[in-house]
Amino acid sequence: MAKYNMTEKKVKAPLYRALLSPKLVEELYQKIMKKFYIDKKYRDPEYSAQKLAEELGTNTRYISAVINLRFQDNYSQMVNEFRIREAQYMLKDRHNADMTMEDIAKAVGFANRQSFYAAFFRRTGTSPREFREANAQELKDKMDRRREKINSARKRKAQSKD
């Protein structure tokens, strides 16, 4: 390090974090979670930290601080996390097998397929299509095991009647 005459960057917590009491952090966290878990605001591609702050009667710095403290992420990363989780659920669900990747991307709040693929890969290390295919095979294997179990139970039942 001395070779390049570099100094380590000091990590400072932003001043506004110190202004947030633990009670306020918890209160804002609960309100944010309601907006995301219950109201599913992350599905709206136009929903921003600014809109969230306005709805909660606070400012974006406080929203940012709470998200950073609770999720160790920024607003965009947190929103994408919610979107990716829902997309994973949809990709696993056989009832959504006829939905295209574009349909799923729009349903969970991404503006386009490219941003969906990029965010999905960053979070999971695989593409949505690979994820769907892997889970389809897993589901098929599970269904095959279930059918085998049912068939063997029927055979045992038929044999016991004889």
N, C-alpha and C. Protein backbone atom coordinates (compact mmCIF):
# COMPACT_ATOMS: atom_id res chain seq x y z
N MET A 1 0.82 -1.19 0.00
CA MET A 1 0.00 0.00 0.00
C MET A 1 0.86 1.26 0.00
N ALA A 2 1.95 1.25 0.73
CA ALA A 2 2.83 2.41 0.78
C ALA A 2 3.47 2.69 -0.57
N LYS A 3 3.58 1.68 -1.39
CA LYS A 3 4.21 1.82 -2.70
C LYS A 3 3.50 2.86 -3.56
N TYR A 4 2.21 2.95 -3.45
CA TYR A 4 1.45 3.89 -4.27
C TYR A 4 0.99 5.12 -3.49
N ASN A 5 1.47 5.24 -2.27
CA ASN A 5 1.13 6.39 -1.43
C ASN A 5 -0.39 6.57 -1.32
N MET A 6 -1.07 5.46 -1.04
CA MET A 6 -2.53 5.51 -0.91
C MET A 6 -2.91 5.44 0.56
N THR A 7 -3.96 6.10 0.89
CA THR A 7 -4.48 6.00 2.25
C THR A 7 -5.81 5.28 2.20
N GLU A 8 -6.13 4.59 3.28
CA GLU A 8 -7.39 3.88 3.33
C GLU A 8 -8.54 4.87 3.44
N LYS A 9 -9.59 4.53 2.75
CA LYS A 9 -10.78 5.37 2.79
C LYS A 9 -11.50 5.14 4.12
N LYS A 10 -11.79 6.23 4.79
CA LYS A 10 -12.51 6.11 6.06
C LYS A 10 -13.99 5.95 5.77
N VAL A 11 -14.58 4.99 6.45
CA VAL A 11 -16.00 4.75 6.28
C VAL A 11 -16.73 5.53 7.36
N LYS A 12 -17.55 6.46 6.92
CA LYS A 12 -18.31 7.26 7.87
C LYS A 12 -19.79 6.97 7.67
N ALA A 13 -20.50 6.86 8.77
CA ALA A 13 -21.94 6.72 8.68
C ALA A 13 -22.51 8.10 8.39
N PRO A 14 -23.44 8.20 7.47
CA PRO A 14 -24.05 9.50 7.19
C PRO A 14 -24.67 10.09 8.45
N LEU A 15 -24.59 11.39 8.58
CA LEU A 15 -25.07 12.09 9.76
C LEU A 15 -26.55 11.81 10.04
N TYR A 16 -27.36 11.75 8.99
CA TYR A 16 -28.79 11.57 9.21
C TYR A 16 -29.13 10.23 9.86
N ARG A 17 -28.25 9.23 9.75
CA ARG A 17 -28.49 7.96 10.45
C ARG A 17 -28.47 8.16 11.95
N ALA A 18 -27.60 9.04 12.41
CA ALA A 18 -27.51 9.30 13.85
C ALA A 18 -28.77 10.01 14.35
N LEU A 19 -29.46 10.69 13.46
CA LEU A 19 -30.68 11.40 13.86
C LEU A 19 -31.88 10.47 13.99
N LEU A 20 -31.77 9.27 13.46
CA LEU A 20 -32.87 8.32 13.52
C LEU A 20 -32.83 7.54 14.83
N SER A 21 -33.88 7.66 15.59
CA SER A 21 -33.95 6.88 16.83
C SER A 21 -34.32 5.44 16.48
N PRO A 22 -33.95 4.49 17.31
CA PRO A 22 -34.33 3.10 17.05
C PRO A 22 -35.84 2.93 16.89
N LYS A 23 -36.59 3.73 17.65
CA LYS A 23 -38.05 3.65 17.56
C LYS A 23 -38.52 4.09 16.17
N LEU A 24 -37.97 5.18 15.65
CA LEU A 24 -38.34 5.67 14.33
C LEU A 24 -37.91 4.69 13.25
N VAL A 25 -36.73 4.11 13.40
CA VAL A 25 -36.26 3.11 12.44
C VAL A 25 -37.25 1.95 12.38
N GLU A 26 -37.65 1.46 13.54
CA GLU A 26 -38.58 0.33 13.59
C GLU A 26 -39.93 0.71 12.99
N GLU A 27 -40.41 1.89 13.31
CA GLU A 27 -41.70 2.36 12.80
C GLU A 27 -41.67 2.47 11.27
N LEU A 28 -40.63 3.09 10.74
CA LEU A 28 -40.52 3.22 9.29
C LEU A 28 -40.33 1.86 8.62
N TYR A 29 -39.56 1.00 9.25
CA TYR A 29 -39.35 -0.35 8.71
C TYR A 29 -40.69 -1.08 8.58
N GLN A 30 -41.50 -1.02 9.62
CA GLN A 30 -42.81 -1.69 9.59
C GLN A 30 -43.70 -1.13 8.48
N LYS A 31 -43.67 0.18 8.31
CA LYS A 31 -44.49 0.82 7.27
C LYS A 31 -43.99 0.44 5.87
N ILE A 32 -42.68 0.39 5.72
CA ILE A 32 -42.10 0.00 4.43
C ILE A 32 -42.49 -1.44 4.12
N MET A 33 -42.39 -2.31 5.10
CA MET A 33 -42.74 -3.72 4.89
C MET A 33 -44.21 -3.87 4.51
N LYS A 34 -45.08 -3.07 5.12
CA LYS A 34 -46.50 -3.12 4.76
C LYS A 34 -46.68 -2.74 3.29
N LYS A 35 -45.99 -1.70 2.86
CA LYS A 35 -46.10 -1.26 1.47
C LYS A 35 -45.61 -2.34 0.50
N PHE A 36 -44.63 -3.13 0.92
CA PHE A 36 -44.07 -4.12 0.03
C PHE A 36 -44.72 -5.49 0.17
N TYR A 37 -44.93 -5.97 1.38
CA TYR A 37 -45.51 -7.30 1.56
C TYR A 37 -47.01 -7.32 1.33
N ILE A 38 -47.71 -6.32 1.82
CA ILE A 38 -49.17 -6.32 1.73
C ILE A 38 -49.65 -5.60 0.47
N ASP A 39 -49.17 -4.38 0.26
CA ASP A 39 -49.62 -3.60 -0.89
C ASP A 39 -48.89 -3.96 -2.17
N LYS A 40 -47.77 -4.66 -2.05
CA LYS A 40 -46.95 -5.11 -3.19
C LYS A 40 -46.62 -3.96 -4.15
N LYS A 41 -46.19 -2.84 -3.58
CA LYS A 41 -45.85 -1.67 -4.38
C LYS A 41 -44.68 -1.90 -5.33
N TYR A 42 -43.85 -2.89 -5.03
CA TYR A 42 -42.69 -3.16 -5.89
C TYR A 42 -43.11 -3.60 -7.29
N ARG A 43 -44.35 -4.02 -7.46
CA ARG A 43 -44.84 -4.44 -8.77
C ARG A 43 -45.01 -3.27 -9.73
N ASP A 44 -45.06 -2.06 -9.19
CA ASP A 44 -45.21 -0.86 -10.02
C ASP A 44 -43.84 -0.38 -10.46
N PRO A 45 -43.51 -0.46 -11.76
CA PRO A 45 -42.19 -0.04 -12.21
C PRO A 45 -41.92 1.46 -11.99
N GLU A 46 -42.97 2.24 -11.81
CA GLU A 46 -42.83 3.68 -11.60
C GLU A 46 -42.71 4.06 -10.12
N TYR A 47 -42.86 3.08 -9.23
CA TYR A 47 -42.82 3.36 -7.80
C TYR A 47 -41.38 3.64 -7.38
N SER A 48 -41.17 4.77 -6.74
CA SER A 48 -39.81 5.20 -6.39
C SER A 48 -39.68 5.42 -4.89
N ALA A 49 -38.46 5.63 -4.46
CA ALA A 49 -38.22 5.96 -3.05
C ALA A 49 -38.91 7.27 -2.70
N GLN A 50 -38.97 8.17 -3.66
CA GLN A 50 -39.65 9.45 -3.44
C GLN A 50 -41.14 9.24 -3.18
N LYS A 51 -41.78 8.40 -3.98
CA LYS A 51 -43.21 8.12 -3.78
C LYS A 51 -43.45 7.42 -2.45
N LEU A 52 -42.57 6.49 -2.11
CA LEU A 52 -42.67 5.79 -0.84
C LEU A 52 -42.56 6.77 0.32
N ALA A 53 -41.58 7.66 0.25
CA ALA A 53 -41.38 8.65 1.30
C ALA A 53 -42.62 9.55 1.44
N GLU A 54 -43.18 9.98 0.32
CA GLU A 54 -44.37 10.82 0.36
C GLU A 54 -45.53 10.09 1.02
N GLU A 55 -45.72 8.82 0.66
CA GLU A 55 -46.82 8.04 1.24
C GLU A 55 -46.64 7.81 2.74
N LEU A 56 -45.39 7.74 3.17
CA LEU A 56 -45.11 7.50 4.59
C LEU A 56 -44.92 8.79 5.38
N GLY A 57 -44.99 9.92 4.69
CA GLY A 57 -44.86 11.20 5.36
C GLY A 57 -43.47 11.46 5.92
N THR A 58 -42.46 11.06 5.17
CA THR A 58 -41.08 11.26 5.60
C THR A 58 -40.26 11.68 4.37
N ASN A 59 -38.94 11.60 4.49
CA ASN A 59 -38.10 11.98 3.35
C ASN A 59 -37.28 10.78 2.87
N THR A 60 -36.71 10.93 1.69
CA THR A 60 -35.97 9.82 1.09
C THR A 60 -34.70 9.46 1.85
N ARG A 61 -34.12 10.42 2.53
CA ARG A 61 -32.91 10.10 3.31
C ARG A 61 -33.24 9.13 4.44
N TYR A 62 -34.36 9.34 5.09
CA TYR A 62 -34.77 8.43 6.17
C TYR A 62 -35.11 7.05 5.60
N ILE A 63 -35.82 7.05 4.48
CA ILE A 63 -36.15 5.78 3.81
C ILE A 63 -34.86 5.04 3.48
N SER A 64 -33.94 5.76 2.87
CA SER A 64 -32.66 5.18 2.49
C SER A 64 -31.91 4.63 3.71
N ALA A 65 -31.90 5.39 4.79
CA ALA A 65 -31.19 4.97 6.00
C ALA A 65 -31.80 3.70 6.58
N VAL A 66 -33.12 3.64 6.65
CA VAL A 66 -33.80 2.47 7.21
C VAL A 66 -33.53 1.24 6.34
N ILE A 67 -33.63 1.40 5.03
CA ILE A 67 -33.38 0.29 4.13
C ILE A 67 -31.94 -0.18 4.25
N ASN A 68 -31.02 0.76 4.35
CA ASN A 68 -29.62 0.39 4.49
C ASN A 68 -29.35 -0.31 5.82
N LEU A 69 -29.95 0.19 6.89
CA LEU A 69 -29.75 -0.42 8.20
C LEU A 69 -30.36 -1.82 8.28
N ARG A 70 -31.54 -1.99 7.73
CA ARG A 70 -32.26 -3.25 7.86
C ARG A 70 -31.92 -4.27 6.79
N PHE A 71 -31.61 -3.82 5.57
CA PHE A 71 -31.37 -4.74 4.46
C PHE A 71 -29.93 -4.75 3.96
N GLN A 72 -29.13 -3.79 4.40
CA GLN A 72 -27.77 -3.60 3.90
C GLN A 72 -27.80 -3.48 2.38
N ASP A 73 -28.83 -2.85 1.87
CA ASP A 73 -29.02 -2.61 0.44
C ASP A 73 -29.49 -1.19 0.24
N ASN A 74 -29.51 -0.76 -1.01
CA ASN A 74 -30.15 0.51 -1.31
C ASN A 74 -31.58 0.23 -1.78
N TYR A 75 -32.34 1.27 -2.05
CA TYR A 75 -33.75 1.12 -2.40
C TYR A 75 -33.92 0.21 -3.62
N SER A 76 -33.19 0.48 -4.68
CA SER A 76 -33.32 -0.30 -5.92
C SER A 76 -33.01 -1.77 -5.71
N GLN A 77 -31.97 -2.04 -4.95
CA GLN A 77 -31.60 -3.43 -4.69
C GLN A 77 -32.68 -4.14 -3.88
N MET A 78 -33.25 -3.43 -2.90
CA MET A 78 -34.31 -4.02 -2.09
C MET A 78 -35.54 -4.32 -2.95
N VAL A 79 -35.93 -3.38 -3.79
CA VAL A 79 -37.09 -3.57 -4.67
C VAL A 79 -36.84 -4.77 -5.58
N ASN A 80 -35.65 -4.85 -6.15
CA ASN A 80 -35.33 -5.97 -7.03
C ASN A 80 -35.34 -7.30 -6.28
N GLU A 81 -34.94 -7.29 -5.03
CA GLU A 81 -34.99 -8.51 -4.22
C GLU A 81 -36.43 -9.01 -4.11
N PHE A 82 -37.37 -8.12 -3.82
CA PHE A 82 -38.78 -8.50 -3.75
C PHE A 82 -39.26 -9.03 -5.10
N ARG A 83 -38.89 -8.35 -6.16
CA ARG A 83 -39.32 -8.75 -7.49
C ARG A 83 -38.77 -10.12 -7.87
N ILE A 84 -37.50 -10.34 -7.58
CA ILE A 84 -36.87 -11.62 -7.93
C ILE A 84 -37.50 -12.76 -7.13
N ARG A 85 -37.77 -12.54 -5.85
CA ARG A 85 -38.42 -13.59 -5.05
C ARG A 85 -39.77 -13.97 -5.63
N GLU A 86 -40.55 -12.98 -6.02
CA GLU A 86 -41.86 -13.28 -6.60
C GLU A 86 -41.69 -13.96 -7.96
N ALA A 87 -40.72 -13.52 -8.74
CA ALA A 87 -40.46 -14.14 -10.04
C ALA A 87 -40.06 -15.61 -9.85
N GLN A 88 -39.24 -15.90 -8.85
CA GLN A 88 -38.85 -17.28 -8.59
C GLN A 88 -40.07 -18.13 -8.26
N TYR A 89 -40.95 -17.59 -7.45
CA TYR A 89 -42.18 -18.30 -7.12
C TYR A 89 -43.00 -18.57 -8.38
N MET A 90 -43.14 -17.54 -9.23
CA MET A 90 -43.92 -17.69 -10.45
C MET A 90 -43.27 -18.68 -11.42
N LEU A 91 -41.94 -18.67 -11.49
CA LEU A 91 -41.25 -19.58 -12.38
C LEU A 91 -41.34 -21.03 -11.91
N LYS A 92 -41.48 -21.25 -10.63
CA LYS A 92 -41.63 -22.59 -10.08
C LYS A 92 -43.05 -23.13 -10.22
N ASP A 93 -44.02 -22.23 -10.25
CA ASP A 93 -45.43 -22.61 -10.26
C ASP A 93 -45.84 -23.11 -11.64
N ARG A 94 -46.32 -24.32 -11.70
CA ARG A 94 -46.70 -24.91 -12.99
C ARG A 94 -47.88 -24.19 -13.63
N HIS A 95 -48.65 -23.47 -12.84
CA HIS A 95 -49.78 -22.72 -13.38
C HIS A 95 -49.32 -21.53 -14.24
N ASN A 96 -48.07 -21.15 -14.08
CA ASN A 96 -47.52 -20.04 -14.87
C ASN A 96 -46.64 -20.53 -16.01
N ALA A 97 -46.70 -21.81 -16.30
CA ALA A 97 -45.82 -22.39 -17.32
C ALA A 97 -46.03 -21.78 -18.69
N ASP A 98 -47.23 -21.27 -18.97
CA ASP A 98 -47.49 -20.68 -20.27
C ASP A 98 -47.10 -19.20 -20.35
N MET A 99 -46.68 -18.63 -19.24
CA MET A 99 -46.27 -17.22 -19.23
C MET A 99 -44.86 -17.08 -19.81
N THR A 100 -44.67 -16.07 -20.63
CA THR A 100 -43.34 -15.80 -21.17
C THR A 100 -42.51 -15.07 -20.11
N MET A 101 -41.22 -14.97 -20.36
CA MET A 101 -40.36 -14.24 -19.44
C MET A 101 -40.76 -12.76 -19.39
N GLU A 102 -41.19 -12.23 -20.52
CA GLU A 102 -41.64 -10.83 -20.57
C GLU A 102 -42.87 -10.64 -19.68
N ASP A 103 -43.80 -11.62 -19.74
CA ASP A 103 -45.01 -11.56 -18.91
C ASP A 103 -44.65 -11.56 -17.42
N ILE A 104 -43.73 -12.44 -17.06
CA ILE A 104 -43.33 -12.54 -15.65
C ILE A 104 -42.60 -11.27 -15.24
N ALA A 105 -41.72 -10.78 -16.09
CA ALA A 105 -40.98 -9.55 -15.78
C ALA A 105 -41.95 -8.40 -15.52
N LYS A 106 -42.94 -8.25 -16.37
CA LYS A 106 -43.94 -7.16 -16.20
C LYS A 106 -44.78 -7.39 -14.95
N ALA A 107 -45.16 -8.64 -14.69
CA ALA A 107 -46.01 -8.96 -13.54
C ALA A 107 -45.34 -8.61 -12.21
N VAL A 108 -44.02 -8.76 -12.15
CA VAL A 108 -43.33 -8.48 -10.89
C VAL A 108 -42.77 -7.06 -10.81
N GLY A 109 -42.94 -6.28 -11.89
CA GLY A 109 -42.59 -4.87 -11.81
C GLY A 109 -41.39 -4.39 -12.59
N PHE A 110 -40.78 -5.26 -13.40
CA PHE A 110 -39.66 -4.82 -14.21
C PHE A 110 -40.18 -4.13 -15.47
N ALA A 111 -39.49 -3.10 -15.89
CA ALA A 111 -39.92 -2.34 -17.06
C ALA A 111 -39.68 -3.11 -18.35
N ASN A 112 -38.66 -3.98 -18.37
CA ASN A 112 -38.38 -4.74 -19.59
C ASN A 112 -37.66 -6.05 -19.24
N ARG A 113 -37.58 -6.91 -20.24
CA ARG A 113 -36.99 -8.24 -20.05
C ARG A 113 -35.50 -8.16 -19.72
N GLN A 114 -34.80 -7.20 -20.33
CA GLN A 114 -33.35 -7.10 -20.12
C GLN A 114 -33.03 -6.77 -18.66
N SER A 115 -33.74 -5.82 -18.09
CA SER A 115 -33.46 -5.48 -16.69
C SER A 115 -33.85 -6.63 -15.77
N PHE A 116 -34.89 -7.37 -16.14
CA PHE A 116 -35.30 -8.55 -15.37
C PHE A 116 -34.19 -9.60 -15.39
N TYR A 117 -33.69 -9.92 -16.57
CA TYR A 117 -32.63 -10.92 -16.69
C TYR A 117 -31.39 -10.50 -15.91
N ALA A 118 -31.00 -9.25 -16.05
CA ALA A 118 -29.79 -8.77 -15.37
C ALA A 118 -29.94 -8.85 -13.85
N ALA A 119 -31.07 -8.37 -13.33
CA ALA A 119 -31.29 -8.40 -11.88
C ALA A 119 -31.41 -9.83 -11.37
N PHE A 120 -32.08 -10.68 -12.12
CA PHE A 120 -32.27 -12.08 -11.72
C PHE A 120 -30.92 -12.77 -11.65
N PHE A 121 -30.09 -12.58 -12.67
CA PHE A 121 -28.78 -13.22 -12.69
C PHE A 121 -27.90 -12.72 -11.56
N ARG A 122 -27.94 -11.40 -11.30
CA ARG A 122 -27.13 -10.83 -10.21
C ARG A 122 -27.51 -11.44 -8.87
N ARG A 123 -28.79 -11.68 -8.64
CA ARG A 123 -29.26 -12.20 -7.35
C ARG A 123 -29.13 -13.71 -7.22
N THR A 124 -29.30 -14.44 -8.34
CA THR A 124 -29.36 -15.90 -8.23
C THR A 124 -28.19 -16.63 -8.87
N GLY A 125 -27.48 -15.94 -9.77
CA GLY A 125 -26.37 -16.59 -10.45
C GLY A 125 -26.82 -17.46 -11.62
N THR A 126 -28.09 -17.37 -11.98
CA THR A 126 -28.62 -18.12 -13.11
C THR A 126 -29.65 -17.26 -13.84
N SER A 127 -29.94 -17.61 -15.06
CA SER A 127 -30.95 -16.85 -15.80
C SER A 127 -32.34 -17.34 -15.41
N PRO A 128 -33.36 -16.54 -15.62
CA PRO A 128 -34.73 -16.99 -15.31
C PRO A 128 -35.11 -18.25 -16.08
N ARG A 129 -34.70 -18.34 -17.33
CA ARG A 129 -35.03 -19.52 -18.14
C ARG A 129 -34.36 -20.78 -17.56
N GLU A 130 -33.08 -20.67 -17.19
CA GLU A 130 -32.39 -21.82 -16.59
C GLU A 130 -33.04 -22.20 -15.26
N PHE A 131 -33.44 -21.19 -14.49
CA PHE A 131 -34.12 -21.43 -13.22
C PHE A 131 -35.41 -22.20 -13.45
N ARG A 132 -36.20 -21.75 -14.43
CA ARG A 132 -37.48 -22.41 -14.73
C ARG A 132 -37.24 -23.86 -15.17
N GLU A 133 -36.28 -24.06 -16.05
CA GLU A 133 -36.00 -25.41 -16.55
C GLU A 133 -35.54 -26.34 -15.44
N ALA A 134 -34.66 -25.85 -14.57
CA ALA A 134 -34.17 -26.67 -13.46
C ALA A 134 -35.31 -27.04 -12.53
N ASN A 135 -36.18 -26.09 -12.25
CA ASN A 135 -37.30 -26.37 -11.35
C ASN A 135 -38.37 -27.21 -12.01
N ALA A 136 -38.51 -27.11 -13.32
CA ALA A 136 -39.47 -27.96 -14.04
C ALA A 136 -39.03 -29.41 -13.94
N GLN A 137 -37.74 -29.65 -14.09
CA GLN A 137 -37.23 -31.02 -13.97
C GLN A 137 -37.40 -31.52 -12.54
N GLU A 138 -37.13 -30.67 -11.58
CA GLU A 138 -37.30 -31.03 -10.17
C GLU A 138 -38.76 -31.37 -9.87
N LEU A 139 -39.68 -30.55 -10.40
CA LEU A 139 -41.11 -30.79 -10.21
C LEU A 139 -41.53 -32.10 -10.88
N LYS A 140 -41.02 -32.35 -12.08
CA LYS A 140 -41.34 -33.59 -12.79
C LYS A 140 -40.86 -34.79 -11.99
N ASP A 141 -39.64 -34.72 -11.47
CA ASP A 141 -39.10 -35.82 -10.66
C ASP A 141 -39.96 -36.04 -9.41
N LYS A 142 -40.38 -34.96 -8.79
CA LYS A 142 -41.22 -35.04 -7.59
C LYS A 142 -42.56 -35.70 -7.91
N MET A 143 -43.16 -35.28 -9.04
CA MET A 143 -44.44 -35.85 -9.45
C MET A 143 -44.28 -37.34 -9.79
N ASP A 144 -43.16 -37.71 -10.42
CA ASP A 144 -42.91 -39.12 -10.74
C ASP A 144 -42.80 -39.95 -9.47
N ARG A 145 -42.09 -39.42 -8.47
CA ARG A 145 -41.97 -40.13 -7.19
C ARG A 145 -43.33 -40.28 -6.52
N ARG A 146 -44.15 -39.24 -6.60
CA ARG A 146 -45.49 -39.29 -6.01
C ARG A 146 -46.35 -40.35 -6.71
N ARG A 147 -46.29 -40.39 -8.06
CA ARG A 147 -47.05 -41.39 -8.81
C ARG A 147 -46.61 -42.81 -8.45
N GLU A 148 -45.29 -42.99 -8.32
CA GLU A 148 -44.78 -44.31 -7.95
C GLU A 148 -45.30 -44.73 -6.58
N LYS A 149 -45.31 -43.79 -5.65
CA LYS A 149 -45.80 -44.07 -4.31
C LYS A 149 -47.27 -44.46 -4.33
N ILE A 150 -48.06 -43.70 -5.09
CA ILE A 150 -49.50 -43.98 -5.20
C ILE A 150 -49.72 -45.34 -5.84
N ASN A 151 -49.00 -45.62 -6.91
CA ASN A 151 -49.16 -46.91 -7.60
C ASN A 151 -48.77 -48.08 -6.71
N SER A 152 -47.67 -47.92 -5.97
CA SER A 152 -47.26 -49.02 -5.09
C SER A 152 -48.27 -49.20 -3.95
N ALA A 153 -48.86 -48.11 -3.47
CA ALA A 153 -49.90 -48.22 -2.43
C ALA A 153 -51.13 -48.92 -2.98
N ARG A 154 -51.48 -48.63 -4.23
CA ARG A 154 -52.64 -49.29 -4.86
C ARG A 154 -52.38 -50.78 -5.04
N LYS A 155 -51.16 -51.12 -5.44
CA LYS A 155 -50.80 -52.53 -5.60
C LYS A 155 -50.88 -53.28 -4.28
N ARG A 156 -50.36 -52.66 -3.21
CA ARG A 156 -50.40 -53.30 -1.90
C ARG A 156 -51.85 -53.49 -1.45
N LYS A 157 -52.67 -52.49 -1.71
CA LYS A 157 -54.08 -52.56 -1.33
C LYS A 157 -54.78 -53.66 -2.11
N ALA A 158 -54.50 -53.76 -3.41
CA ALA A 158 -55.11 -54.79 -4.24
C ALA A 158 -54.65 -56.18 -3.81
N GLN A 159 -53.39 -56.31 -3.44
CA GLN A 159 -52.86 -57.60 -2.99
C GLN A 159 -53.47 -58.00 -1.65
N SER A 160 -53.70 -57.02 -0.80
CA SER A 160 -54.26 -57.34 0.53
C SER A 160 -55.73 -57.78 0.42
N LYS A 161 -56.43 -57.33 -0.62
CA LYS A 161 -57.82 -57.74 -0.84
C LYS A 161 -57.89 -59.18 -1.32
N ASP A 162 -56.86 -59.63 -2.02
CA ASP A 162 -56.85 -61.00 -2.56
C ASP A 162 -56.62 -62.01 -1.53
